[in-house]
Amino acid sequence: MSKSSNTLLALVLGGAIGAVAGILYAPDKGTKTRKDLSKKAKKQQDKLAKQLKETRASLADNAQKAKLTFEERLNDTISTASYKADDIIGSLESKLADLRKQNAKLQKDATVNEIKARAEKTLS
């Protein structure tokens, strides 16, 4: 159980035990006892309402903090992924440039070989 629910349970049990003890050992008339019980019940109700309000505020605050933490982590992850993507793209562009150079060299060599073959054919 959470701290707030333990506190709430303690308040309710305390109120109930107090009411029972008050009735059993009441030296006053029934009307006065009922008024006292009514006042005590109202007091406990006010305490519970205050505790509920504090718990709600605490939960809302914790939810807001969790949301901000999640957003920060998400932004960090996106930023890291972006840098990694840039590194990968740079590497791929470098490899593509190397392949283009190799292709140009192969085409040049093929053209030279083709010219040599034609020249040899012509000379023969």
PDB file of N, CA and C in Angstrom:
ATOM      1  N   MET A   1       0.838  -1.184   0.000  1.00  0.00           N
ATOM      2  CA  MET A   1       0.000   0.000   0.000  1.00  0.00           C
ATOM      3  C   MET A   1       0.873   1.234   0.000  1.00  0.00           C
ATOM      4  N   SER A   2       0.362   2.285  -0.583  1.00  0.00           N
ATOM      5  CA  SER A   2       1.128   3.520  -0.611  1.00  0.00           C
ATOM      6  C   SER A   2       0.960   4.271   0.699  1.00  0.00           C
ATOM      7  N   LYS A   3       1.814   5.231   0.883  1.00  0.00           N
ATOM      8  CA  LYS A   3       1.805   6.016   2.121  1.00  0.00           C
ATOM      9  C   LYS A   3       0.480   6.739   2.303  1.00  0.00           C
ATOM     10  N   SER A   4      -0.042   7.319   1.219  1.00  0.00           N
ATOM     11  CA  SER A   4      -1.287   8.074   1.322  1.00  0.00           C
ATOM     12  C   SER A   4      -2.473   7.170   1.643  1.00  0.00           C
ATOM     13  N   SER A   5      -2.522   5.965   1.091  1.00  0.00           N
ATOM     14  CA  SER A   5      -3.631   5.070   1.406  1.00  0.00           C
ATOM     15  C   SER A   5      -3.513   4.542   2.828  1.00  0.00           C
ATOM     16  N   ASN A   6      -2.292   4.356   3.336  1.00  0.00           N
ATOM     17  CA  ASN A   6      -2.119   3.965   4.739  1.00  0.00           C
ATOM     18  C   ASN A   6      -2.605   5.070   5.655  1.00  0.00           C
ATOM     19  N   THR A   7      -2.298   6.306   5.319  1.00  0.00           N
ATOM     20  CA  THR A   7      -2.734   7.446   6.115  1.00  0.00           C
ATOM     21  C   THR A   7      -4.252   7.548   6.101  1.00  0.00           C
ATOM     22  N   LEU A   8      -4.840   7.372   4.946  1.00  0.00           N
ATOM     23  CA  LEU A   8      -6.289   7.422   4.804  1.00  0.00           C
ATOM     24  C   LEU A   8      -6.945   6.332   5.631  1.00  0.00           C
ATOM     25  N   LEU A   9      -6.416   5.132   5.572  1.00  0.00           N
ATOM     26  CA  LEU A   9      -6.951   4.009   6.340  1.00  0.00           C
ATOM     27  C   LEU A   9      -6.830   4.283   7.831  1.00  0.00           C
ATOM     28  N   ALA A  10      -5.722   4.835   8.260  1.00  0.00           N
ATOM     29  CA  ALA A  10      -5.526   5.153   9.671  1.00  0.00           C
ATOM     30  C   ALA A  10      -6.534   6.199  10.135  1.00  0.00           C
ATOM     31  N   LEU A  11      -6.799   7.190   9.301  1.00  0.00           N
ATOM     32  CA  LEU A  11      -7.784   8.213   9.660  1.00  0.00           C
ATOM     33  C   LEU A  11      -9.177   7.625   9.810  1.00  0.00           C
ATOM     34  N   VAL A  12      -9.573   6.782   8.883  1.00  0.00           N
ATOM     35  CA  VAL A  12     -10.900   6.174   8.936  1.00  0.00           C
ATOM     36  C   VAL A  12     -11.024   5.269  10.160  1.00  0.00           C
ATOM     37  N   LEU A  13     -10.023   4.417  10.381  1.00  0.00           N
ATOM     38  CA  LEU A  13     -10.070   3.530  11.545  1.00  0.00           C
ATOM     39  C   LEU A  13     -10.048   4.317  12.845  1.00  0.00           C
ATOM     40  N   GLY A  14      -9.257   5.354  12.906  1.00  0.00           N
ATOM     41  CA  GLY A  14      -9.205   6.192  14.109  1.00  0.00           C
ATOM     42  C   GLY A  14     -10.555   6.836  14.404  1.00  0.00           C
ATOM     43  N   GLY A  15     -11.179   7.312  13.360  1.00  0.00           N
ATOM     44  CA  GLY A  15     -12.509   7.920  13.524  1.00  0.00           C
ATOM     45  C   GLY A  15     -13.536   6.916  14.005  1.00  0.00           C
ATOM     46  N   ALA A  16     -13.502   5.723  13.421  1.00  0.00           N
ATOM     47  CA  ALA A  16     -14.463   4.687  13.805  1.00  0.00           C
ATOM     48  C   ALA A  16     -14.237   4.244  15.252  1.00  0.00           C
ATOM     49  N   ILE A  17     -12.997   4.022  15.630  1.00  0.00           N
ATOM     50  CA  ILE A  17     -12.681   3.608  17.002  1.00  0.00           C
ATOM     51  C   ILE A  17     -13.075   4.700  17.987  1.00  0.00           C
ATOM     52  N   GLY A  18     -12.811   5.942  17.635  1.00  0.00           N
ATOM     53  CA  GLY A  18     -13.193   7.064  18.497  1.00  0.00           C
ATOM     54  C   GLY A  18     -14.700   7.156  18.670  1.00  0.00           C
ATOM     55  N   ALA A  19     -15.424   6.930  17.588  1.00  0.00           N
ATOM     56  CA  ALA A  19     -16.888   6.993  17.672  1.00  0.00           C
ATOM     57  C   ALA A  19     -17.435   5.899  18.573  1.00  0.00           C
ATOM     58  N   VAL A  20     -16.937   4.689  18.411  1.00  0.00           N
ATOM     59  CA  VAL A  20     -17.400   3.567  19.237  1.00  0.00           C
ATOM     60  C   VAL A  20     -17.055   3.819  20.700  1.00  0.00           C
ATOM     61  N   ALA A  21     -15.843   4.233  20.982  1.00  0.00           N
ATOM     62  CA  ALA A  21     -15.436   4.498  22.369  1.00  0.00           C
ATOM     63  C   ALA A  21     -16.272   5.621  22.966  1.00  0.00           C
ATOM     64  N   GLY A  22     -16.569   6.635  22.177  1.00  0.00           N
ATOM     65  CA  GLY A  22     -17.386   7.748  22.660  1.00  0.00           C
ATOM     66  C   GLY A  22     -18.785   7.319  23.029  1.00  0.00           C
ATOM     67  N   ILE A  23     -19.358   6.447  22.239  1.00  0.00           N
ATOM     68  CA  ILE A  23     -20.711   5.962  22.530  1.00  0.00           C
ATOM     69  C   ILE A  23     -20.714   5.095  23.786  1.00  0.00           C
ATOM     70  N   LEU A  24     -19.736   4.195  23.888  1.00  0.00           N
ATOM     71  CA  LEU A  24     -19.707   3.272  25.026  1.00  0.00           C
ATOM     72  C   LEU A  24     -19.455   3.977  26.358  1.00  0.00           C
ATOM     73  N   TYR A  25     -18.624   4.966  26.352  1.00  0.00           N
ATOM     74  CA  TYR A  25     -18.250   5.612  27.614  1.00  0.00           C
ATOM     75  C   TYR A  25     -18.822   7.024  27.756  1.00  0.00           C
ATOM     76  N   ALA A  26     -19.860   7.323  27.031  1.00  0.00           N
ATOM     77  CA  ALA A  26     -20.423   8.669  27.046  1.00  0.00           C
ATOM     78  C   ALA A  26     -21.172   8.945  28.350  1.00  0.00           C
ATOM     79  N   PRO A  27     -20.735   9.961  29.063  1.00  0.00           N
ATOM     80  CA  PRO A  27     -21.451  10.327  30.283  1.00  0.00           C
ATOM     81  C   PRO A  27     -22.576  11.326  29.996  1.00  0.00           C
ATOM     82  N   ASP A  28     -22.622  11.816  28.766  1.00  0.00           N
ATOM     83  CA  ASP A  28     -23.598  12.835  28.409  1.00  0.00           C
ATOM     84  C   ASP A  28     -24.866  12.224  27.843  1.00  0.00           C
ATOM     85  N   LYS A  29     -25.860  13.088  27.627  1.00  0.00           N
ATOM     86  CA  LYS A  29     -27.122  12.675  27.020  1.00  0.00           C
ATOM     87  C   LYS A  29     -26.873  12.255  25.579  1.00  0.00           C
ATOM     88  N   GLY A  30     -27.825  11.539  25.036  1.00  0.00           N
ATOM     89  CA  GLY A  30     -27.737  11.060  23.658  1.00  0.00           C
ATOM     90  C   GLY A  30     -27.668  12.182  22.645  1.00  0.00           C
ATOM     91  N   THR A  31     -28.427  13.260  22.882  1.00  0.00           N
ATOM     92  CA  THR A  31     -28.419  14.376  21.919  1.00  0.00           C
ATOM     93  C   THR A  31     -27.043  15.040  21.889  1.00  0.00           C
ATOM     94  N   LYS A  32     -26.454  15.239  23.056  1.00  0.00           N
ATOM     95  CA  LYS A  32     -25.117  15.856  23.109  1.00  0.00           C
ATOM     96  C   LYS A  32     -24.087  14.931  22.480  1.00  0.00           C
ATOM     97  N   THR A  33     -24.208  13.654  22.771  1.00  0.00           N
ATOM     98  CA  THR A  33     -23.276  12.682  22.195  1.00  0.00           C
ATOM     99  C   THR A  33     -23.394  12.678  20.669  1.00  0.00           C
ATOM    100  N   ARG A  34     -24.623  12.720  20.173  1.00  0.00           N
ATOM    101  CA  ARG A  34     -24.821  12.737  18.720  1.00  0.00           C
ATOM    102  C   ARG A  34     -24.223  14.004  18.104  1.00  0.00           C
ATOM    103  N   LYS A  35     -24.385  15.132  18.779  1.00  0.00           N
ATOM    104  CA  LYS A  35     -23.796  16.380  18.278  1.00  0.00           C
ATOM    105  C   LYS A  35     -22.272  16.272  18.250  1.00  0.00           C
ATOM    106  N   ASP A  36     -21.713  15.724  19.339  1.00  0.00           N
ATOM    107  CA  ASP A  36     -20.261  15.549  19.389  1.00  0.00           C
ATOM    108  C   ASP A  36     -19.781  14.614  18.280  1.00  0.00           C
ATOM    109  N   LEU A  37     -20.517  13.513  18.107  1.00  0.00           N
ATOM    110  CA  LEU A  37     -20.161  12.573  17.031  1.00  0.00           C
ATOM    111  C   LEU A  37     -20.268  13.237  15.662  1.00  0.00           C
ATOM    112  N   SER A  38     -21.288  14.055  15.517  1.00  0.00           N
ATOM    113  CA  SER A  38     -21.477  14.752  14.250  1.00  0.00           C
ATOM    114  C   SER A  38     -20.309  15.710  13.995  1.00  0.00           C
ATOM    115  N   LYS A  39     -19.899  16.436  15.031  1.00  0.00           N
ATOM    116  CA  LYS A  39     -18.766  17.350  14.891  1.00  0.00           C
ATOM    117  C   LYS A  39     -17.487  16.585  14.549  1.00  0.00           C
ATOM    118  N   LYS A  40     -17.267  15.486  15.269  1.00  0.00           N
ATOM    119  CA  LYS A  40     -16.064  14.682  15.021  1.00  0.00           C
ATOM    120  C   LYS A  40     -16.087  14.089  13.615  1.00  0.00           C
ATOM    121  N   ALA A  41     -17.267  13.634  13.200  1.00  0.00           N
ATOM    122  CA  ALA A  41     -17.382  13.075  11.847  1.00  0.00           C
ATOM    123  C   ALA A  41     -17.092  14.152  10.805  1.00  0.00           C
ATOM    124  N   LYS A  42     -17.590  15.363  11.044  1.00  0.00           N
ATOM    125  CA  LYS A  42     -17.342  16.479  10.112  1.00  0.00           C
ATOM    126  C   LYS A  42     -15.851  16.797  10.076  1.00  0.00           C
ATOM    127  N   LYS A  43     -15.233  16.791  11.270  1.00  0.00           N
ATOM    128  CA  LYS A  43     -13.803  17.062  11.350  1.00  0.00           C
ATOM    129  C   LYS A  43     -13.013  16.007  10.556  1.00  0.00           C
ATOM    130  N   GLN A  44     -13.379  14.750  10.740  1.00  0.00           N
ATOM    131  CA  GLN A  44     -12.709  13.665  10.010  1.00  0.00           C
ATOM    132  C   GLN A  44     -12.961  13.784   8.512  1.00  0.00           C
ATOM    133  N   GLN A  45     -14.177  14.168   8.162  1.00  0.00           N
ATOM    134  CA  GLN A  45     -14.502  14.357   6.746  1.00  0.00           C
ATOM    135  C   GLN A  45     -13.638  15.459   6.147  1.00  0.00           C
ATOM    136  N   ASP A  46     -13.466  16.544   6.879  1.00  0.00           N
ATOM    137  CA  ASP A  46     -12.622  17.638   6.407  1.00  0.00           C
ATOM    138  C   ASP A  46     -11.168  17.182   6.254  1.00  0.00           C
ATOM    139  N   LYS A  47     -10.694  16.398   7.234  1.00  0.00           N
ATOM    140  CA  LYS A  47      -9.324  15.873   7.145  1.00  0.00           C
ATOM    141  C   LYS A  47      -9.164  14.982   5.923  1.00  0.00           C
ATOM    142  N   LEU A  48     -10.152  14.126   5.707  1.00  0.00           N
ATOM    143  CA  LEU A  48     -10.092  13.238   4.537  1.00  0.00           C
ATOM    144  C   LEU A  48     -10.117  14.039   3.237  1.00  0.00           C
ATOM    145  N   ALA A  49     -10.956  15.062   3.193  1.00  0.00           N
ATOM    146  CA  ALA A  49     -11.030  15.894   1.987  1.00  0.00           C
ATOM    147  C   ALA A  49      -9.693  16.591   1.741  1.00  0.00           C
ATOM    148  N   LYS A  50      -9.082  17.082   2.831  1.00  0.00           N
ATOM    149  CA  LYS A  50      -7.777  17.737   2.697  1.00  0.00           C
ATOM    150  C   LYS A  50      -6.729  16.740   2.210  1.00  0.00           C
ATOM    151  N   GLN A  51      -6.731  15.546   2.807  1.00  0.00           N
ATOM    152  CA  GLN A  51      -5.775  14.507   2.405  1.00  0.00           C
ATOM    153  C   GLN A  51      -5.982  14.114   0.941  1.00  0.00           C
ATOM    154  N   LEU A  52      -7.237  14.000   0.538  1.00  0.00           N
ATOM    155  CA  LEU A  52      -7.542  13.659  -0.851  1.00  0.00           C
ATOM    156  C   LEU A  52      -7.040  14.747  -1.796  1.00  0.00           C
ATOM    157  N   LYS A  53      -7.242  16.004  -1.410  1.00  0.00           N
ATOM    158  CA  LYS A  53      -6.780  17.124  -2.231  1.00  0.00           C
ATOM    159  C   LYS A  53      -5.256  17.107  -2.354  1.00  0.00           C
ATOM    160  N   GLU A  54      -4.569  16.859  -1.235  1.00  0.00           N
ATOM    161  CA  GLU A  54      -3.106  16.795  -1.257  1.00  0.00           C
ATOM    162  C   GLU A  54      -2.620  15.627  -2.108  1.00  0.00           C
ATOM    163  N   THR A  55      -3.315  14.497  -1.989  1.00  0.00           N
ATOM    164  CA  THR A  55      -2.927  13.320  -2.773  1.00  0.00           C
ATOM    165  C   THR A  55      -3.114  13.584  -4.263  1.00  0.00           C
ATOM    166  N   ARG A  56      -4.228  14.202  -4.612  1.00  0.00           N
ATOM    167  CA  ARG A  56      -4.463  14.536  -6.021  1.00  0.00           C
ATOM    168  C   ARG A  56      -3.375  15.473  -6.549  1.00  0.00           C
ATOM    169  N   ALA A  57      -3.053  16.488  -5.748  1.00  0.00           N
ATOM    170  CA  ALA A  57      -2.012  17.442  -6.161  1.00  0.00           C
ATOM    171  C   ALA A  57      -0.673  16.739  -6.325  1.00  0.00           C
ATOM    172  N   SER A  58      -0.382  15.843  -5.395  1.00  0.00           N
ATOM    173  CA  SER A  58       0.877  15.101  -5.466  1.00  0.00           C
ATOM    174  C   SER A  58       0.919  14.213  -6.708  1.00  0.00           C
ATOM    175  N   LEU A  59      -0.179  13.532  -6.996  1.00  0.00           N
ATOM    176  CA  LEU A  59      -0.235  12.673  -8.182  1.00  0.00           C
ATOM    177  C   LEU A  59      -0.099  13.491  -9.463  1.00  0.00           C
ATOM    178  N   ALA A  60      -0.765  14.637  -9.495  1.00  0.00           N
ATOM    179  CA  ALA A  60      -0.667  15.494 -10.684  1.00  0.00           C
ATOM    180  C   ALA A  60       0.768  15.987 -10.869  1.00  0.00           C
ATOM    181  N   ASP A  61       1.408  16.352  -9.775  1.00  0.00           N
ATOM    182  CA  ASP A  61       2.796  16.814  -9.830  1.00  0.00           C
ATOM    183  C   ASP A  61       3.725  15.696 -10.308  1.00  0.00           C
ATOM    184  N   ASN A  62       3.532  14.506  -9.754  1.00  0.00           N
ATOM    185  CA  ASN A  62       4.359  13.360 -10.160  1.00  0.00           C
ATOM    186  C   ASN A  62       4.135  13.007 -11.629  1.00  0.00           C
ATOM    187  N   ALA A  63       2.888  13.094 -12.072  1.00  0.00           N
ATOM    188  CA  ALA A  63       2.596  12.805 -13.485  1.00  0.00           C
ATOM    189  C   ALA A  63       3.274  13.832 -14.393  1.00  0.00           C
ATOM    190  N   GLN A  64       3.245  15.092 -13.986  1.00  0.00           N
ATOM    191  CA  GLN A  64       3.890  16.144 -14.780  1.00  0.00           C
ATOM    192  C   GLN A  64       5.392  15.916 -14.841  1.00  0.00           C
ATOM    193  N   LYS A  65       5.998  15.571 -13.706  1.00  0.00           N
ATOM    194  CA  LYS A  65       7.442  15.304 -13.679  1.00  0.00           C
ATOM    195  C   LYS A  65       7.783  14.109 -14.568  1.00  0.00           C
ATOM    196  N   ALA A  66       6.956  13.059 -14.494  1.00  0.00           N
ATOM    197  CA  ALA A  66       7.201  11.872 -15.321  1.00  0.00           C
ATOM    198  C   ALA A  66       7.088  12.216 -16.803  1.00  0.00           C
ATOM    199  N   LYS A  67       6.130  13.056 -17.140  1.00  0.00           N
ATOM    200  CA  LYS A  67       5.954  13.471 -18.540  1.00  0.00           C
ATOM    201  C   LYS A  67       7.180  14.233 -19.030  1.00  0.00           C
ATOM    202  N   LEU A  68       7.668  15.168 -18.196  1.00  0.00           N
ATOM    203  CA  LEU A  68       8.844  15.950 -18.591  1.00  0.00           C
ATOM    204  C   LEU A  68      10.075  15.060 -18.735  1.00  0.00           C
ATOM    205  N   THR A  69      10.232  14.115 -17.815  1.00  0.00           N
ATOM    206  CA  THR A  69      11.362  13.187 -17.880  1.00  0.00           C
ATOM    207  C   THR A  69      11.281  12.350 -19.162  1.00  0.00           C
ATOM    208  N   PHE A  70      10.085  11.864 -19.469  1.00  0.00           N
ATOM    209  CA  PHE A  70       9.894  11.074 -20.685  1.00  0.00           C
ATOM    210  C   PHE A  70      10.233  11.905 -21.916  1.00  0.00           C
ATOM    211  N   GLU A  71       9.754  13.151 -21.948  1.00  0.00           N
ATOM    212  CA  GLU A  71      10.023  14.011 -23.103  1.00  0.00           C
ATOM    213  C   GLU A  71      11.516  14.284 -23.249  1.00  0.00           C
ATOM    214  N   GLU A  72      12.208  14.500 -22.129  1.00  0.00           N
ATOM    215  CA  GLU A  72      13.655  14.728 -22.193  1.00  0.00           C
ATOM    216  C   GLU A  72      14.372  13.496 -22.732  1.00  0.00           C
ATOM    217  N   ARG A  73      13.997  12.327 -22.240  1.00  0.00           N
ATOM    218  CA  ARG A  73      14.638  11.096 -22.715  1.00  0.00           C
ATOM    219  C   ARG A  73      14.342  10.852 -24.187  1.00  0.00           C
ATOM    220  N   LEU A  74      13.118  11.139 -24.584  1.00  0.00           N
ATOM    221  CA  LEU A  74      12.751  10.969 -25.994  1.00  0.00           C
ATOM    222  C   LEU A  74      13.574  11.910 -26.875  1.00  0.00           C
ATOM    223  N   ASN A  75      13.703  13.156 -26.460  1.00  0.00           N
ATOM    224  CA  ASN A  75      14.500  14.120 -27.230  1.00  0.00           C
ATOM    225  C   ASN A  75      15.965  13.695 -27.291  1.00  0.00           C
ATOM    226  N   ASP A  76      16.504  13.196 -26.186  1.00  0.00           N
ATOM    227  CA  ASP A  76      17.890  12.718 -26.183  1.00  0.00           C
ATOM    228  C   ASP A  76      18.056  11.545 -27.152  1.00  0.00           C
ATOM    229  N   THR A  77      17.105  10.627 -27.129  1.00  0.00           N
ATOM    230  CA  THR A  77      17.169   9.464 -28.017  1.00  0.00           C
ATOM    231  C   THR A  77      17.091   9.890 -29.481  1.00  0.00           C
ATOM    232  N   ILE A  78      16.189  10.815 -29.769  1.00  0.00           N
ATOM    233  CA  ILE A  78      16.042  11.300 -31.144  1.00  0.00           C
ATOM    234  C   ILE A  78      17.317  12.013 -31.593  1.00  0.00           C
ATOM    235  N   SER A  79      17.883  12.809 -30.706  1.00  0.00           N
ATOM    236  CA  SER A  79      19.116  13.530 -31.030  1.00  0.00           C
ATOM    237  C   SER A  79      20.254  12.552 -31.308  1.00  0.00           C
ATOM    238  N   THR A  80      20.391  11.547 -30.463  1.00  0.00           N
ATOM    239  CA  THR A  80      21.443  10.545 -30.642  1.00  0.00           C
ATOM    240  C   THR A  80      21.241   9.793 -31.960  1.00  0.00           C
ATOM    241  N   ALA A  81      20.003   9.423 -32.229  1.00  0.00           N
ATOM    242  CA  ALA A  81      19.709   8.712 -33.476  1.00  0.00           C
ATOM    243  C   ALA A  81      20.030   9.593 -34.683  1.00  0.00           C
ATOM    244  N   SER A  82      19.755  10.876 -34.564  1.00  0.00           N
ATOM    245  CA  SER A  82      20.033  11.797 -35.662  1.00  0.00           C
ATOM    246  C   SER A  82      21.530  11.872 -35.952  1.00  0.00           C
ATOM    247  N   TYR A  83      22.335  11.968 -34.887  1.00  0.00           N
ATOM    248  CA  TYR A  83      23.794  12.005 -35.078  1.00  0.00           C
ATOM    249  C   TYR A  83      24.295  10.702 -35.702  1.00  0.00           C
ATOM    250  N   LYS A  84      23.758   9.584 -35.237  1.00  0.00           N
ATOM    251  CA  LYS A  84      24.183   8.296 -35.799  1.00  0.00           C
ATOM    252  C   LYS A  84      23.787   8.197 -37.269  1.00  0.00           C
ATOM    253  N   ALA A  85      22.592   8.685 -37.593  1.00  0.00           N
ATOM    254  CA  ALA A  85      22.145   8.663 -38.993  1.00  0.00           C
ATOM    255  C   ALA A  85      23.064   9.519 -39.851  1.00  0.00           C
ATOM    256  N   ASP A  86      23.469  10.689 -39.331  1.00  0.00           N
ATOM    257  CA  ASP A  86      24.398  11.546 -40.079  1.00  0.00           C
ATOM    258  C   ASP A  86      25.731  10.838 -40.311  1.00  0.00           C
ATOM    259  N   ASP A  87      26.220  10.133 -39.297  1.00  0.00           N
ATOM    260  CA  ASP A  87      27.472   9.384 -39.445  1.00  0.00           C
ATOM    261  C   ASP A  87      27.335   8.302 -40.507  1.00  0.00           C
ATOM    262  N   ILE A  88      26.234   7.590 -40.495  1.00  0.00           N
ATOM    263  CA  ILE A  88      26.007   6.511 -41.472  1.00  0.00           C
ATOM    264  C   ILE A  88      25.911   7.090 -42.880  1.00  0.00           C
ATOM    265  N   ILE A  89      25.174   8.192 -43.013  1.00  0.00           N
ATOM    266  CA  ILE A  89      25.032   8.825 -44.336  1.00  0.00           C
ATOM    267  C   ILE A  89      26.391   9.295 -44.842  1.00  0.00           C
ATOM    268  N   GLY A  90      27.198   9.884 -43.965  1.00  0.00           N
ATOM    269  CA  GLY A  90      28.541  10.324 -44.370  1.00  0.00           C
ATOM    270  C   GLY A  90      29.393   9.161 -44.839  1.00  0.00           C
ATOM    271  N   SER A  91      29.324   8.068 -44.116  1.00  0.00           N
ATOM    272  CA  SER A  91      30.086   6.875 -44.481  1.00  0.00           C
ATOM    273  C   SER A  91      29.617   6.320 -45.831  1.00  0.00           C
ATOM    274  N   LEU A  92      28.315   6.271 -46.028  1.00  0.00           N
ATOM    275  CA  LEU A  92      27.774   5.763 -47.300  1.00  0.00           C
ATOM    276  C   LEU A  92      28.158   6.675 -48.471  1.00  0.00           C
ATOM    277  N   GLU A  93      28.132   7.988 -48.234  1.00  0.00           N
ATOM    278  CA  GLU A  93      28.526   8.916 -49.296  1.00  0.00           C
ATOM    279  C   GLU A  93      29.995   8.740 -49.658  1.00  0.00           C
ATOM    280  N   SER A  94      30.833   8.507 -48.662  1.00  0.00           N
ATOM    281  CA  SER A  94      32.252   8.283 -48.905  1.00  0.00           C
ATOM    282  C   SER A  94      32.459   7.008 -49.725  1.00  0.00           C
ATOM    283  N   LYS A  95      31.748   5.953 -49.351  1.00  0.00           N
ATOM    284  CA  LYS A  95      31.866   4.687 -50.091  1.00  0.00           C
ATOM    285  C   LYS A  95      31.346   4.843 -51.517  1.00  0.00           C
ATOM    286  N   LEU A  96      30.276   5.607 -51.681  1.00  0.00           N
ATOM    287  CA  LEU A  96      29.726   5.845 -53.021  1.00  0.00           C
ATOM    288  C   LEU A  96      30.741   6.594 -53.887  1.00  0.00           C
ATOM    289  N   ALA A  97      31.412   7.581 -53.315  1.00  0.00           N
ATOM    290  CA  ALA A  97      32.438   8.324 -54.066  1.00  0.00           C
ATOM    291  C   ALA A  97      33.568   7.391 -54.476  1.00  0.00           C
ATOM    292  N   ASP A  98      33.988   6.491 -53.576  1.00  0.00           N
ATOM    293  CA  ASP A  98      35.041   5.523 -53.914  1.00  0.00           C
ATOM    294  C   ASP A  98      34.586   4.607 -55.047  1.00  0.00           C
ATOM    295  N   LEU A  99      33.339   4.146 -54.984  1.00  0.00           N
ATOM    296  CA  LEU A  99      32.814   3.273 -56.036  1.00  0.00           C
ATOM    297  C   LEU A  99      32.744   4.003 -57.377  1.00  0.00           C
ATOM    298  N   ARG A 100      32.385   5.268 -57.348  1.00  0.00           N
ATOM    299  CA  ARG A 100      32.342   6.040 -58.591  1.00  0.00           C
ATOM    300  C   ARG A 100      33.731   6.172 -59.202  1.00  0.00           C
ATOM    301  N   LYS A 101      34.745   6.395 -58.352  1.00  0.00           N
ATOM    302  CA  LYS A 101      36.123   6.483 -58.852  1.00  0.00           C
ATOM    303  C   LYS A 101      36.543   5.156 -59.477  1.00  0.00           C
ATOM    304  N   GLN A 102      36.224   4.054 -58.774  1.00  0.00           N
ATOM    305  CA  GLN A 102      36.579   2.727 -59.308  1.00  0.00           C
ATOM    306  C   GLN A 102      35.861   2.486 -60.628  1.00  0.00           C
ATOM    307  N   ASN A 103      34.604   2.865 -60.704  1.00  0.00           N
ATOM    308  CA  ASN A 103      33.833   2.671 -61.924  1.00  0.00           C
ATOM    309  C   ASN A 103      34.427   3.489 -63.067  1.00  0.00           C
ATOM    310  N   ALA A 104      34.800   4.731 -62.796  1.00  0.00           N
ATOM    311  CA  ALA A 104      35.403   5.583 -63.830  1.00  0.00           C
ATOM    312  C   ALA A 104      36.710   4.969 -64.318  1.00  0.00           C
ATOM    313  N   LYS A 105      37.500   4.448 -63.364  1.00  0.00           N
ATOM    314  CA  LYS A 105      38.771   3.819 -63.747  1.00  0.00           C
ATOM    315  C   LYS A 105      38.517   2.589 -64.604  1.00  0.00           C
ATOM    316  N   LEU A 106      37.527   1.773 -64.196  1.00  0.00           N
ATOM    317  CA  LEU A 106      37.212   0.569 -64.980  1.00  0.00           C
ATOM    318  C   LEU A 106      36.718   0.933 -66.381  1.00  0.00           C
ATOM    319  N   GLN A 107      35.895   1.969 -66.465  1.00  0.00           N
ATOM    320  CA  GLN A 107      35.408   2.393 -67.780  1.00  0.00           C
ATOM    321  C   GLN A 107      36.555   2.916 -68.644  1.00  0.00           C
ATOM    322  N   LYS A 108      37.474   3.653 -67.994  1.00  0.00           N
ATOM    323  CA  LYS A 108      38.627   4.179 -68.719  1.00  0.00           C
ATOM    324  C   LYS A 108      39.490   3.017 -69.222  1.00  0.00           C
ATOM    325  N   ASP A 109      39.735   2.032 -68.327  1.00  0.00           N
ATOM    326  CA  ASP A 109      40.531   0.869 -68.713  1.00  0.00           C
ATOM    327  C   ASP A 109      39.840   0.102 -69.838  1.00  0.00           C
ATOM    328  N   ALA A 110      38.513  -0.034 -69.765  1.00  0.00           N
ATOM    329  CA  ALA A 110      37.770  -0.753 -70.801  1.00  0.00           C
ATOM    330  C   ALA A 110      37.872  -0.010 -72.126  1.00  0.00           C
ATOM    331  N   THR A 111      37.798   1.315 -72.063  1.00  0.00           N
ATOM    332  CA  THR A 111      37.907   2.110 -73.288  1.00  0.00           C
ATOM    333  C   THR A 111      39.304   1.977 -73.885  1.00  0.00           C
ATOM    334  N   VAL A 112      40.335   2.025 -73.057  1.00  0.00           N
ATOM    335  CA  VAL A 112      41.720   1.879 -73.526  1.00  0.00           C
ATOM    336  C   VAL A 112      41.882   0.492 -74.145  1.00  0.00           C
ATOM    337  N   ASN A 113      41.381  -0.527 -73.470  1.00  0.00           N
ATOM    338  CA  ASN A 113      41.492  -1.893 -74.006  1.00  0.00           C
ATOM    339  C   ASN A 113      40.734  -2.027 -75.326  1.00  0.00           C
ATOM    340  N   GLU A 114      39.592  -1.367 -75.418  1.00  0.00           N
ATOM    341  CA  GLU A 114      38.813  -1.429 -76.652  1.00  0.00           C
ATOM    342  C   GLU A 114      39.564  -0.731 -77.787  1.00  0.00           C
ATOM    343  N   ILE A 115      40.165   0.402 -77.474  1.00  0.00           N
ATOM    344  CA  ILE A 115      40.940   1.123 -78.497  1.00  0.00           C
ATOM    345  C   ILE A 115      42.130   0.271 -78.940  1.00  0.00           C
ATOM    346  N   LYS A 116      42.803  -0.366 -77.976  1.00  0.00           N
ATOM    347  CA  LYS A 116      43.953  -1.214 -78.312  1.00  0.00           C
ATOM    348  C   LYS A 116      43.498  -2.376 -79.205  1.00  0.00           C
ATOM    349  N   ALA A 117      42.365  -2.951 -78.847  1.00  0.00           N
ATOM    350  CA  ALA A 117      41.870  -4.086 -79.646  1.00  0.00           C
ATOM    351  C   ALA A 117      41.549  -3.645 -81.071  1.00  0.00           C
ATOM    352  N   ARG A 118      40.956  -2.505 -81.229  1.00  0.00           N
ATOM    353  CA  ARG A 118      40.627  -1.979 -82.568  1.00  0.00           C
ATOM    354  C   ARG A 118      41.909  -1.674 -83.345  1.00  0.00           C
ATOM    355  N   ALA A 119      42.876  -1.098 -82.618  1.00  0.00           N
ATOM    356  CA  ALA A 119      44.130  -0.731 -83.283  1.00  0.00           C
ATOM    357  C   ALA A 119      44.838  -2.004 -83.757  1.00  0.00           C
ATOM    358  N   GLU A 120      44.838  -3.017 -82.907  1.00  0.00           N
ATOM    359  CA  GLU A 120      45.480  -4.277 -83.290  1.00  0.00           C
ATOM    360  C   GLU A 120      44.756  -4.923 -84.447  1.00  0.00           C
ATOM    361  N   LYS A 121      43.433  -4.805 -84.449  1.00  0.00           N
ATOM    362  CA  LYS A 121      42.623  -5.375 -85.518  1.00  0.00           C
ATOM    363  C   LYS A 121      42.887  -4.628 -86.829  1.00  0.00           C
ATOM    364  N   THR A 122      43.015  -3.327 -86.720  1.00  0.00           N
ATOM    365  CA  THR A 122      43.266  -2.518 -87.891  1.00  0.00           C
ATOM    366  C   THR A 122      44.669  -2.792 -88.444  1.00  0.00           C
ATOM    367  N   LEU A 123      45.631  -2.953 -87.556  1.00  0.00           N
ATOM    368  CA  LEU A 123      46.999  -3.206 -87.967  1.00  0.00           C
ATOM    369  C   LEU A 123      47.159  -4.636 -88.520  1.00  0.00           C
ATOM    370  N   SER A 124      46.324  -5.498 -88.180  1.00  0.00           N
ATOM    371  CA  SER A 124      46.490  -6.842 -88.643  1.00  0.00           C
ATOM    372  C   SER A 124      46.046  -7.060 -90.037  1.00  0.00           C
TER     373      SER A 124
END
